[in-house]
C-alpha atoms as a PDB file:
ATOM      1  CA  MET A   1      13.876   8.770  59.345  1.00  0.00           C
ATOM      2  CA  ARG A   2      16.035   5.925  59.742  1.00  0.00           C
ATOM      3  CA  MET A   3      19.747   5.705  58.648  1.00  0.00           C
ATOM      4  CA  GLY A   4      19.044   3.325  55.599  1.00  0.00           C
ATOM      5  CA  GLU A   5      16.292   6.169  54.093  1.00  0.00           C
ATOM      6  CA  ALA A   6      18.640   8.968  54.765  1.00  0.00           C
ATOM      7  CA  ARG A   7      21.405   7.622  52.797  1.00  0.00           C
ATOM      8  CA  ALA A   8      19.206   7.118  49.806  1.00  0.00           C
ATOM      9  CA  LEU A   9      18.165  10.952  49.947  1.00  0.00           C
ATOM     10  CA  THR A  10      18.865  12.916  47.142  1.00  0.00           C
ATOM     11  CA  TRP A  11      18.836  16.911  46.912  1.00  0.00           C
ATOM     12  CA  ASP A  12      15.143  16.127  44.822  1.00  0.00           C
ATOM     13  CA  HIS A  13      13.735  14.725  48.286  1.00  0.00           C
ATOM     14  CA  VAL A  14      14.639  18.083  50.221  1.00  0.00           C
ATOM     15  CA  ASP A  15      11.990  21.519  49.792  1.00  0.00           C
ATOM     16  CA  LEU A  16      14.024  23.985  52.102  1.00  0.00           C
ATOM     17  CA  GLU A  17      11.440  26.108  51.632  1.00  0.00           C
ATOM     18  CA  ARG A  18       8.107  24.221  53.009  1.00  0.00           C
ATOM     19  CA  ARG A  19      10.977  22.179  55.494  1.00  0.00           C
ATOM     20  CA  GLU A  20      10.425  19.333  54.192  1.00  0.00           C
ATOM     21  CA  ILE A  21      11.918  16.077  53.550  1.00  0.00           C
ATOM     22  CA  ARG A  22      10.487  13.653  51.128  1.00  0.00           C
ATOM     23  CA  ILE A  23      11.273  10.103  52.747  1.00  0.00           C
ATOM     24  CA  ALA A  24      10.968   7.701  48.999  1.00  0.00           C
ATOM     25  CA  ARG A  25      13.431   4.560  49.184  1.00  0.00           C
ATOM     26  CA  ALA A  26      16.355   3.318  51.679  1.00  0.00           C
ATOM     27  CA  PHE A  27      19.004   1.488  51.453  1.00  0.00           C
ATOM     28  CA  SER A  28      19.058  -1.855  53.300  1.00  0.00           C
ATOM     29  CA  GLY A  29      22.429  -3.359  52.974  1.00  0.00           C
ATOM     30  CA  THR A  30      23.533  -2.652  49.359  1.00  0.00           C
ATOM     31  CA  GLU A  31      19.833  -2.942  48.206  1.00  0.00           C
ATOM     32  CA  LEU A  32      17.803   0.084  46.882  1.00  0.00           C
ATOM     33  CA  THR A  33      14.384  -0.089  48.430  1.00  0.00           C
ATOM     34  CA  THR A  34      11.420   0.938  49.544  1.00  0.00           C
ATOM     35  CA  PRO A  35      11.148   2.121  53.232  1.00  0.00           C
ATOM     36  CA  LYS A  36      10.444  -0.092  55.706  1.00  0.00           C
ATOM     37  CA  SER A  37       6.967   0.891  55.724  1.00  0.00           C
ATOM     38  CA  GLY A  38       6.752   0.035  52.690  1.00  0.00           C
ATOM     39  CA  HIS A  39       5.402   3.199  51.236  1.00  0.00           C
ATOM     40  CA  GLY A  40       6.617   6.841  50.912  1.00  0.00           C
ATOM     41  CA  ARG A  41       6.239  10.124  53.176  1.00  0.00           C
ATOM     42  CA  THR A  42       6.833  13.390  54.699  1.00  0.00           C
ATOM     43  CA  VAL A  43       8.736  14.519  57.773  1.00  0.00           C
ATOM     44  CA  ASP A  44       9.493  18.201  58.975  1.00  0.00           C
ATOM     45  CA  MET A  45      12.956  18.821  58.705  1.00  0.00           C
ATOM     46  CA  SER A  46      13.507  21.708  61.885  1.00  0.00           C
ATOM     47  CA  LEU A  47      15.273  25.341  61.179  1.00  0.00           C
ATOM     48  CA  VAL A  48      18.641  24.269  61.782  1.00  0.00           C
ATOM     49  CA  LEU A  49      18.871  21.664  60.261  1.00  0.00           C
ATOM     50  CA  ARG A  50      16.943  23.979  56.690  1.00  0.00           C
ATOM     51  CA  ASP A  51      20.090  25.934  57.240  1.00  0.00           C
ATOM     52  CA  VAL A  52      22.889  24.274  57.766  1.00  0.00           C
ATOM     53  CA  LEU A  53      21.530  22.349  54.447  1.00  0.00           C
ATOM     54  CA  ARG A  54      21.418  25.728  52.259  1.00  0.00           C
ATOM     55  CA  ARG A  55      25.204  26.230  53.353  1.00  0.00           C
ATOM     56  CA  LEU A  56      25.740  22.859  51.796  1.00  0.00           C
ATOM     57  CA  GLN A  57      24.127  23.506  49.256  1.00  0.00           C
ATOM     58  CA  ALA A  58      26.342  26.774  48.172  1.00  0.00           C
ATOM     59  CA  GLN A  59      29.296  25.032  49.273  1.00  0.00           C
ATOM     60  CA  LEU A  60      28.728  22.822  46.319  1.00  0.00           C
ATOM     61  CA  ALA A  61      27.612  24.649  44.100  1.00  0.00           C
ATOM     62  CA  GLU A  62      30.731  26.958  44.583  1.00  0.00           C
ATOM     63  CA  ALA A  63      32.503  23.873  44.214  1.00  0.00           C
ATOM     64  CA  CYS A  64      31.446  22.306  41.140  1.00  0.00           C
ATOM     65  CA  GLY A  65      30.616  25.812  39.525  1.00  0.00           C
END
């Protein structure tokens, strides 16, 4: 995943159960665009990343809840 793609992620792009992240857009400078390839793609996430994201999601829910 490219840095601009990572910056454009939102939680609805993340599937923790399937361990997948959908890359649908990217930041190029300050402009939100399509990814460099011109179309979206799905990337796998590691078990470690899934666990970190689950903890982060729980912390955010607690802080906002």
